[in-house]
Amino acid sequence: MKLAVEKLSVTFGQGRRRVEAVRCVSFGVEAKGSYGLVGESGSGKSTVLRAVCGLAPVSTGRIEIDGKPVEGRRSLAFARLVQMVFQDPYASLHPRHTVDRTLSEPLAIHGLNDRHRRVERALAGVGLDLSFRFRFPHQLSGGQRQRVAVARALILEPEILLLDEPTSALDASVQAEVLNLLVRLRRERNLTFVMVSHDLAVVNHMCERLLVMQQGQGVEELDRQALGDRRVKTGYTRSLLKASEGFLR
């Protein structure tokens, strides 16, 4: 499914406490495509994803899926189409819920049957065997927790997956495992990806196109080839490239 964000602005607070977190950001992702939002902390990139999911207020602009506007409170039907994987696998899983309960809850909310088969298939899809099914989050490593979070997002079989720095809280060796898992899942399930990161090397590995964000605005859009060739226009993007030297291919 195609995702389009047109002149999106997100504002928090009023008066002196008013903060324009996102200002007039636009981009589009074709069906089965992959798109990255990259920038330093506070650039507004995660807020864009949260606005798409209905977790941040849209001040102005439009969000469309396959040409149809997405407005107001997100419906169950929206959740079947769009899911999000959050940054911190330690915070995104309920500490008192087993993996089985974590994966079963979305199925119950959406009235889906054949729970046991779906949970088993979800675990297998992210490379976890059945021994993990009744473990609690504290019994899992960081990488295993993020695999569970990915399984939870995919158990409803969405078509669009939003990824909010899904590996930034993980060790470097585990980051590569999770990124490669996501690449495989996208290919196998024909997913549309939108990924947020502060790391150009990660975005270059995962995404075909990207938007560089600074202080709530999109400052430069480019594709993977232009990024690889260092054909960038703004000084800010050049500074991000310099920070990624040695890792960017």
C-alpha atoms as a PDB file:
ATOM      1  CA  MET A   1       0.000   0.000   0.000  1.00  0.00           C
ATOM      2  CA  LYS A   2       1.121   3.522  -0.788  1.00  0.00           C
ATOM      3  CA  LEU A   3       1.633   6.063   1.992  1.00  0.00           C
ATOM      4  CA  ALA A   4       1.615   9.812   1.353  1.00  0.00           C
ATOM      5  CA  VAL A   5       2.333  12.605   3.837  1.00  0.00           C
ATOM      6  CA  GLU A   6       1.524  16.084   2.536  1.00  0.00           C
ATOM      7  CA  LYS A   7       2.588  19.317   4.262  1.00  0.00           C
ATOM      8  CA  LEU A   8       2.316  17.714   7.689  1.00  0.00           C
ATOM      9  CA  SER A   9       2.710  19.929  10.758  1.00  0.00           C
ATOM     10  CA  VAL A  10       2.554  18.853  14.398  1.00  0.00           C
ATOM     11  CA  THR A  11       2.346  21.388  17.232  1.00  0.00           C
ATOM     12  CA  PHE A  12       2.391  20.763  20.960  1.00  0.00           C
ATOM     13  CA  GLY A  13       1.277  23.207  23.662  1.00  0.00           C
ATOM     14  CA  GLN A  14       0.081  26.791  23.455  1.00  0.00           C
ATOM     15  CA  GLY A  15       1.443  30.277  24.035  1.00  0.00           C
ATOM     16  CA  ARG A  16       4.964  30.303  25.407  1.00  0.00           C
ATOM     17  CA  ARG A  17       4.925  26.522  25.608  1.00  0.00           C
ATOM     18  CA  ARG A  18       4.003  26.123  21.952  1.00  0.00           C
ATOM     19  CA  VAL A  19       6.457  23.865  20.117  1.00  0.00           C
ATOM     20  CA  GLU A  20       6.327  23.237  16.384  1.00  0.00           C
ATOM     21  CA  ALA A  21       7.748  19.723  16.350  1.00  0.00           C
ATOM     22  CA  VAL A  22       7.094  19.136  12.639  1.00  0.00           C
ATOM     23  CA  ARG A  23       6.704  21.866  10.018  1.00  0.00           C
ATOM     24  CA  CYS A  24       5.262  21.245   6.557  1.00  0.00           C
ATOM     25  CA  VAL A  25       6.872  17.856   5.898  1.00  0.00           C
ATOM     26  CA  SER A  26       5.940  15.984   2.713  1.00  0.00           C
ATOM     27  CA  PHE A  27       7.019  12.633   1.284  1.00  0.00           C
ATOM     28  CA  GLY A  28       5.557   9.598  -0.438  1.00  0.00           C
ATOM     29  CA  VAL A  29       6.292   5.877  -0.312  1.00  0.00           C
ATOM     30  CA  GLU A  30       5.201   3.575  -3.095  1.00  0.00           C
ATOM     31  CA  ALA A  31       3.617   0.220  -2.309  1.00  0.00           C
ATOM     32  CA  LYS A  32       6.302  -2.299  -1.247  1.00  0.00           C
ATOM     33  CA  GLY A  33       8.832   0.538  -1.137  1.00  0.00           C
ATOM     34  CA  SER A  34      11.147   1.569   1.693  1.00  0.00           C
ATOM     35  CA  TYR A  35      11.647   5.132   2.872  1.00  0.00           C
ATOM     36  CA  GLY A  36      13.849   6.617   5.570  1.00  0.00           C
ATOM     37  CA  LEU A  37      13.570   9.682   7.790  1.00  0.00           C
ATOM     38  CA  VAL A  38      16.984  10.638   9.105  1.00  0.00           C
ATOM     39  CA  GLY A  39      18.275  13.405  11.347  1.00  0.00           C
ATOM     40  CA  GLU A  40      19.637  14.155  14.774  1.00  0.00           C
ATOM     41  CA  SER A  41      17.606  13.784  17.956  1.00  0.00           C
ATOM     42  CA  GLY A  42      14.835  16.363  18.132  1.00  0.00           C
ATOM     43  CA  SER A  43      14.543  16.781  14.364  1.00  0.00           C
ATOM     44  CA  GLY A  44      10.908  15.619  14.393  1.00  0.00           C
ATOM     45  CA  LYS A  45      11.345  12.353  12.532  1.00  0.00           C
ATOM     46  CA  SER A  46       9.788  10.113  15.211  1.00  0.00           C
ATOM     47  CA  THR A  47       6.930  12.585  15.632  1.00  0.00           C
ATOM     48  CA  VAL A  48       6.062  12.098  11.954  1.00  0.00           C
ATOM     49  CA  LEU A  49       5.623   8.363  12.519  1.00  0.00           C
ATOM     50  CA  ARG A  50       3.570   8.970  15.636  1.00  0.00           C
ATOM     51  CA  ALA A  51       1.335  11.363  13.700  1.00  0.00           C
ATOM     52  CA  VAL A  52       0.739   8.701  11.057  1.00  0.00           C
ATOM     53  CA  CYS A  53      -0.320   6.290  13.810  1.00  0.00           C
ATOM     54  CA  GLY A  54      -2.545   8.854  15.527  1.00  0.00           C
ATOM     55  CA  LEU A  55      -0.242   9.178  18.535  1.00  0.00           C
ATOM     56  CA  ALA A  56       0.645  12.829  17.850  1.00  0.00           C
ATOM     57  CA  PRO A  57      -1.776  15.651  16.919  1.00  0.00           C
ATOM     58  CA  VAL A  58      -1.835  16.753  13.290  1.00  0.00           C
ATOM     59  CA  SER A  59      -2.072  20.561  13.159  1.00  0.00           C
ATOM     60  CA  THR A  60      -2.184  20.885   9.387  1.00  0.00           C
ATOM     61  CA  GLY A  61      -1.593  18.681   6.378  1.00  0.00           C
ATOM     62  CA  ARG A  62      -2.793  15.313   5.146  1.00  0.00           C
ATOM     63  CA  ILE A  63      -1.935  11.663   5.598  1.00  0.00           C
ATOM     64  CA  GLU A  64      -3.183   9.286   2.915  1.00  0.00           C
ATOM     65  CA  ILE A  65      -3.062   5.537   2.382  1.00  0.00           C
ATOM     66  CA  ASP A  66      -3.689   4.489  -1.214  1.00  0.00           C
ATOM     67  CA  GLY A  67      -5.115   7.948  -1.858  1.00  0.00           C
ATOM     68  CA  LYS A  68      -7.620   7.795   1.008  1.00  0.00           C
ATOM     69  CA  PRO A  69      -7.217  10.366   3.815  1.00  0.00           C
ATOM     70  CA  VAL A  70      -6.497   9.145   7.336  1.00  0.00           C
ATOM     71  CA  GLU A  71      -8.146  11.380   9.929  1.00  0.00           C
ATOM     72  CA  GLY A  72      -9.216  11.337  13.564  1.00  0.00           C
ATOM     73  CA  ARG A  73      -8.894   8.385  15.874  1.00  0.00           C
ATOM     74  CA  ARG A  74      -7.322   5.369  14.176  1.00  0.00           C
ATOM     75  CA  SER A  75      -9.709   2.468  13.626  1.00  0.00           C
ATOM     76  CA  LEU A  76      -9.215  -1.278  13.978  1.00  0.00           C
ATOM     77  CA  ALA A  77      -9.152  -1.419  10.195  1.00  0.00           C
ATOM     78  CA  PHE A  78      -6.227   1.033  10.195  1.00  0.00           C
ATOM     79  CA  ALA A  79      -4.364  -1.194  12.665  1.00  0.00           C
ATOM     80  CA  ARG A  80      -4.741  -4.119  10.287  1.00  0.00           C
ATOM     81  CA  LEU A  81      -2.984  -2.057   7.606  1.00  0.00           C
ATOM     82  CA  VAL A  82      -0.367  -0.094   9.567  1.00  0.00           C
ATOM     83  CA  GLN A  83       1.749  -1.191  12.521  1.00  0.00           C
ATOM     84  CA  MET A  84       4.710   0.349  14.309  1.00  0.00           C
ATOM     85  CA  VAL A  85       7.840  -1.039  15.978  1.00  0.00           C
ATOM     86  CA  PHE A  86       9.102   1.270  18.703  1.00  0.00           C
ATOM     87  CA  GLN A  87      12.644   2.208  19.620  1.00  0.00           C
ATOM     88  CA  ASP A  88      13.095   0.626  23.028  1.00  0.00           C
ATOM     89  CA  PRO A  89      12.401  -3.127  23.300  1.00  0.00           C
ATOM     90  CA  TYR A  90      12.743  -2.843  27.080  1.00  0.00           C
ATOM     91  CA  ALA A  91       9.868  -0.371  27.348  1.00  0.00           C
ATOM     92  CA  SER A  92       7.580  -1.562  24.544  1.00  0.00           C
ATOM     93  CA  LEU A  93       6.781  -4.961  26.079  1.00  0.00           C
ATOM     94  CA  HIS A  94       4.634  -5.331  29.205  1.00  0.00           C
ATOM     95  CA  PRO A  95       6.953  -6.729  31.917  1.00  0.00           C
ATOM     96  CA  ARG A  96       4.239  -8.992  33.383  1.00  0.00           C
ATOM     97  CA  HIS A  97       2.981 -10.411  30.096  1.00  0.00           C
ATOM     98  CA  THR A  98       4.454 -13.554  28.587  1.00  0.00           C
ATOM     99  CA  VAL A  99       5.418 -13.578  24.938  1.00  0.00           C
ATOM    100  CA  ASP A 100       2.320 -15.663  24.276  1.00  0.00           C
ATOM    101  CA  ARG A 101       0.046 -13.055  25.844  1.00  0.00           C
ATOM    102  CA  THR A 102       1.828 -10.203  24.078  1.00  0.00           C
ATOM    103  CA  LEU A 103       1.258 -11.838  20.697  1.00  0.00           C
ATOM    104  CA  SER A 104      -2.240 -13.099  21.468  1.00  0.00           C
ATOM    105  CA  GLU A 105      -3.647  -9.749  22.588  1.00  0.00           C
ATOM    106  CA  PRO A 106      -3.866  -8.159  19.104  1.00  0.00           C
ATOM    107  CA  LEU A 107      -5.546 -11.314  17.795  1.00  0.00           C
ATOM    108  CA  ALA A 108      -8.181 -11.133  20.532  1.00  0.00           C
ATOM    109  CA  ILE A 109      -8.815  -7.419  19.938  1.00  0.00           C
ATOM    110  CA  HIS A 110      -9.393  -8.046  16.244  1.00  0.00           C
ATOM    111  CA  GLY A 111     -11.424 -11.216  16.767  1.00  0.00           C
ATOM    112  CA  LEU A 112      -9.030 -13.456  14.843  1.00  0.00           C
ATOM    113  CA  ASN A 113      -9.238 -17.215  15.331  1.00  0.00           C
ATOM    114  CA  ASP A 114      -6.595 -19.943  15.233  1.00  0.00           C
ATOM    115  CA  ARG A 115      -4.552 -18.123  17.864  1.00  0.00           C
ATOM    116  CA  HIS A 116      -2.071 -20.920  18.584  1.00  0.00           C
ATOM    117  CA  ARG A 117      -1.080 -21.387  14.948  1.00  0.00           C
ATOM    118  CA  ARG A 118      -0.743 -17.645  14.399  1.00  0.00           C
ATOM    119  CA  VAL A 119       1.463 -17.191  17.481  1.00  0.00           C
ATOM    120  CA  GLU A 120       3.691 -20.099  16.502  1.00  0.00           C
ATOM    121  CA  ARG A 121       4.025 -18.777  12.968  1.00  0.00           C
ATOM    122  CA  ALA A 122       4.802 -15.264  14.237  1.00  0.00           C
ATOM    123  CA  LEU A 123       7.618 -16.571  16.432  1.00  0.00           C
ATOM    124  CA  ALA A 124       9.050 -18.697  13.640  1.00  0.00           C
ATOM    125  CA  GLY A 125       8.923 -15.684  11.311  1.00  0.00           C
ATOM    126  CA  VAL A 126      11.289 -13.708  13.528  1.00  0.00           C
ATOM    127  CA  GLY A 127      13.614 -16.627  14.242  1.00  0.00           C
ATOM    128  CA  LEU A 128      12.405 -17.605  17.713  1.00  0.00           C
ATOM    129  CA  ASP A 129      11.454 -21.183  18.551  1.00  0.00           C
ATOM    130  CA  LEU A 130       8.512 -22.293  20.693  1.00  0.00           C
ATOM    131  CA  SER A 131      10.606 -22.338  23.878  1.00  0.00           C
ATOM    132  CA  PHE A 132      10.237 -18.532  23.952  1.00  0.00           C
ATOM    133  CA  ARG A 133       6.442 -18.605  23.938  1.00  0.00           C
ATOM    134  CA  PHE A 134       5.869 -18.542  27.682  1.00  0.00           C
ATOM    135  CA  ARG A 135       8.858 -16.480  28.741  1.00  0.00           C
ATOM    136  CA  PHE A 136       8.624 -13.007  30.257  1.00  0.00           C
ATOM    137  CA  PRO A 137      10.521 -10.008  28.864  1.00  0.00           C
ATOM    138  CA  HIS A 138      13.108 -10.093  31.647  1.00  0.00           C
ATOM    139  CA  GLN A 139      14.055 -13.595  30.481  1.00  0.00           C
ATOM    140  CA  LEU A 140      14.942 -12.314  26.992  1.00  0.00           C
ATOM    141  CA  SER A 141      17.945 -10.481  25.602  1.00  0.00           C
ATOM    142  CA  GLY A 142      17.518  -7.081  23.962  1.00  0.00           C
ATOM    143  CA  GLY A 143      17.621  -8.583  20.492  1.00  0.00           C
ATOM    144  CA  GLN A 144      15.078 -11.246  21.441  1.00  0.00           C
ATOM    145  CA  ARG A 145      12.761  -8.612  22.874  1.00  0.00           C
ATOM    146  CA  GLN A 146      12.910  -6.607  19.662  1.00  0.00           C
ATOM    147  CA  ARG A 147      12.166  -9.755  17.666  1.00  0.00           C
ATOM    148  CA  VAL A 148       9.061 -10.226  19.805  1.00  0.00           C
ATOM    149  CA  ALA A 149       8.101  -6.591  19.174  1.00  0.00           C
ATOM    150  CA  VAL A 150       8.465  -7.166  15.426  1.00  0.00           C
ATOM    151  CA  ALA A 151       6.402 -10.357  15.678  1.00  0.00           C
ATOM    152  CA  ARG A 152       3.680  -8.457  17.530  1.00  0.00           C
ATOM    153  CA  ALA A 153       3.588  -5.795  14.824  1.00  0.00           C
ATOM    154  CA  LEU A 154       3.374  -8.367  12.038  1.00  0.00           C
ATOM    155  CA  ILE A 155       0.927 -10.817  13.590  1.00  0.00           C
ATOM    156  CA  LEU A 156      -2.019  -8.850  12.142  1.00  0.00           C
ATOM    157  CA  GLU A 157      -0.346  -9.095   8.710  1.00  0.00           C
ATOM    158  CA  PRO A 158      -0.191  -5.329   8.012  1.00  0.00           C
ATOM    159  CA  GLU A 159       0.965  -3.911   4.694  1.00  0.00           C
ATOM    160  CA  ILE A 160       2.817  -0.882   6.080  1.00  0.00           C
ATOM    161  CA  LEU A 161       5.418  -1.154   8.855  1.00  0.00           C
ATOM    162  CA  LEU A 162       6.702   1.955  10.649  1.00  0.00           C
ATOM    163  CA  LEU A 163      10.078   1.516  12.349  1.00  0.00           C
ATOM    164  CA  ASP A 164      11.152   4.044  14.965  1.00  0.00           C
ATOM    165  CA  GLU A 165      14.907   3.487  15.411  1.00  0.00           C
ATOM    166  CA  PRO A 166      14.294  -0.237  16.043  1.00  0.00           C
ATOM    167  CA  THR A 167      17.953  -1.075  16.705  1.00  0.00           C
ATOM    168  CA  SER A 168      19.322   2.027  18.466  1.00  0.00           C
ATOM    169  CA  ALA A 169      18.912   0.480  21.937  1.00  0.00           C
ATOM    170  CA  LEU A 170      20.742  -2.720  20.928  1.00  0.00           C
ATOM    171  CA  ASP A 171      24.396  -3.718  20.880  1.00  0.00           C
ATOM    172  CA  ALA A 172      26.144  -3.309  17.525  1.00  0.00           C
ATOM    173  CA  SER A 173      26.335  -7.054  16.831  1.00  0.00           C
ATOM    174  CA  VAL A 174      22.645  -7.496  17.573  1.00  0.00           C
ATOM    175  CA  GLN A 175      21.708  -4.457  15.473  1.00  0.00           C
ATOM    176  CA  ALA A 176      22.896  -6.196  12.309  1.00  0.00           C
ATOM    177  CA  GLU A 177      20.865  -9.321  13.110  1.00  0.00           C
ATOM    178  CA  VAL A 178      17.652  -7.340  13.597  1.00  0.00           C
ATOM    179  CA  LEU A 179      18.211  -5.194  10.490  1.00  0.00           C
ATOM    180  CA  ASN A 180      18.810  -8.289   8.364  1.00  0.00           C
ATOM    181  CA  LEU A 181      15.662  -9.838   9.833  1.00  0.00           C
ATOM    182  CA  LEU A 182      13.660  -6.766   8.806  1.00  0.00           C
ATOM    183  CA  VAL A 183      15.099  -6.855   5.287  1.00  0.00           C
ATOM    184  CA  ARG A 184      14.059 -10.499   4.952  1.00  0.00           C
ATOM    185  CA  LEU A 185      10.560  -9.897   6.319  1.00  0.00           C
ATOM    186  CA  ARG A 186      10.000  -6.976   3.990  1.00  0.00           C
ATOM    187  CA  ARG A 187      10.965  -9.106   1.007  1.00  0.00           C
ATOM    188  CA  GLU A 188       8.907 -12.138   2.066  1.00  0.00           C
ATOM    189  CA  ARG A 189       5.776 -10.179   2.997  1.00  0.00           C
ATOM    190  CA  ASN A 190       5.939  -7.413   0.387  1.00  0.00           C
ATOM    191  CA  LEU A 191       5.831  -4.761   3.106  1.00  0.00           C
ATOM    192  CA  THR A 192       5.995  -1.006   2.726  1.00  0.00           C
ATOM    193  CA  PHE A 193       8.621   0.357   5.145  1.00  0.00           C
ATOM    194  CA  VAL A 194       9.069   3.782   6.696  1.00  0.00           C
ATOM    195  CA  MET A 195      12.101   3.844   8.967  1.00  0.00           C
ATOM    196  CA  VAL A 196      13.376   6.532  11.319  1.00  0.00           C
ATOM    197  CA  SER A 197      17.053   6.697  12.236  1.00  0.00           C
ATOM    198  CA  HIS A 198      19.784   9.147  13.173  1.00  0.00           C
ATOM    199  CA  ASP A 199      22.262   6.903  11.316  1.00  0.00           C
ATOM    200  CA  LEU A 200      22.658   7.351   7.545  1.00  0.00           C
ATOM    201  CA  ALA A 201      24.428   3.990   7.266  1.00  0.00           C
ATOM    202  CA  VAL A 202      21.381   2.185   8.666  1.00  0.00           C
ATOM    203  CA  VAL A 203      18.993   4.070   6.402  1.00  0.00           C
ATOM    204  CA  ASN A 204      21.235   3.420   3.391  1.00  0.00           C
ATOM    205  CA  HIS A 205      21.112  -0.317   4.167  1.00  0.00           C
ATOM    206  CA  MET A 206      17.346  -0.411   4.643  1.00  0.00           C
ATOM    207  CA  CYS A 207      15.783   2.245   2.414  1.00  0.00           C
ATOM    208  CA  GLU A 208      15.553   3.129  -1.268  1.00  0.00           C
ATOM    209  CA  ARG A 209      14.792   6.806  -0.634  1.00  0.00           C
ATOM    210  CA  LEU A 210      15.147   9.115   2.343  1.00  0.00           C
ATOM    211  CA  LEU A 211      14.296  12.539   3.699  1.00  0.00           C
ATOM    212  CA  VAL A 212      16.839  14.387   5.825  1.00  0.00           C
ATOM    213  CA  MET A 213      15.133  16.310   8.631  1.00  0.00           C
ATOM    214  CA  GLN A 214      16.416  19.197  10.715  1.00  0.00           C
ATOM    215  CA  GLN A 215      14.515  21.177  13.348  1.00  0.00           C
ATOM    216  CA  GLY A 216      11.168  19.753  12.291  1.00  0.00           C
ATOM    217  CA  GLN A 217      11.591  20.341   8.571  1.00  0.00           C
ATOM    218  CA  GLY A 218      12.606  18.259   5.594  1.00  0.00           C
ATOM    219  CA  VAL A 219      15.815  19.792   4.220  1.00  0.00           C
ATOM    220  CA  GLU A 220      16.830  17.317   1.522  1.00  0.00           C
ATOM    221  CA  GLU A 221      15.353  14.270  -0.222  1.00  0.00           C
ATOM    222  CA  LEU A 222      17.570  11.806  -2.063  1.00  0.00           C
ATOM    223  CA  ASP A 223      17.767   8.194  -3.163  1.00  0.00           C
ATOM    224  CA  ARG A 224      20.198   5.450  -2.187  1.00  0.00           C
ATOM    225  CA  GLN A 225      22.384   5.974  -5.257  1.00  0.00           C
ATOM    226  CA  ALA A 226      22.797   9.687  -4.612  1.00  0.00           C
ATOM    227  CA  LEU A 227      23.632   8.970  -0.988  1.00  0.00           C
ATOM    228  CA  GLY A 228      26.205   6.349  -1.961  1.00  0.00           C
ATOM    229  CA  ASP A 229      27.782   8.763  -4.447  1.00  0.00           C
ATOM    230  CA  ARG A 230      27.803  11.585  -1.847  1.00  0.00           C
ATOM    231  CA  ARG A 231      25.699  13.755  -4.185  1.00  0.00           C
ATOM    232  CA  VAL A 232      24.111  15.881  -1.478  1.00  0.00           C
ATOM    233  CA  LYS A 233      23.132  19.539  -1.495  1.00  0.00           C
ATOM    234  CA  THR A 234      23.004  20.765   2.098  1.00  0.00           C
ATOM    235  CA  GLY A 235      25.710  21.242   4.666  1.00  0.00           C
ATOM    236  CA  TYR A 236      23.603  19.441   7.259  1.00  0.00           C
ATOM    237  CA  THR A 237      23.428  16.297   5.144  1.00  0.00           C
ATOM    238  CA  ARG A 238      27.188  16.496   4.597  1.00  0.00           C
ATOM    239  CA  SER A 239      27.687  16.583   8.372  1.00  0.00           C
ATOM    240  CA  LEU A 240      25.569  13.442   8.730  1.00  0.00           C
ATOM    241  CA  LEU A 241      27.613  11.801   5.980  1.00  0.00           C
ATOM    242  CA  LYS A 242      30.825  12.671   7.791  1.00  0.00           C
ATOM    243  CA  ALA A 243      29.470  11.081  10.988  1.00  0.00           C
ATOM    244  CA  SER A 244      28.745   7.897   9.026  1.00  0.00           C
ATOM    245  CA  GLU A 245      32.153   7.645   7.334  1.00  0.00           C
ATOM    246  CA  GLY A 246      33.550   4.127   7.555  1.00  0.00           C
ATOM    247  CA  PHE A 247      30.078   2.607   7.815  1.00  0.00           C
ATOM    248  CA  LEU A 248      28.298   3.939   4.728  1.00  0.00           C
ATOM    249  CA  ARG A 249      28.450   1.836   1.568  1.00  0.00           C
END
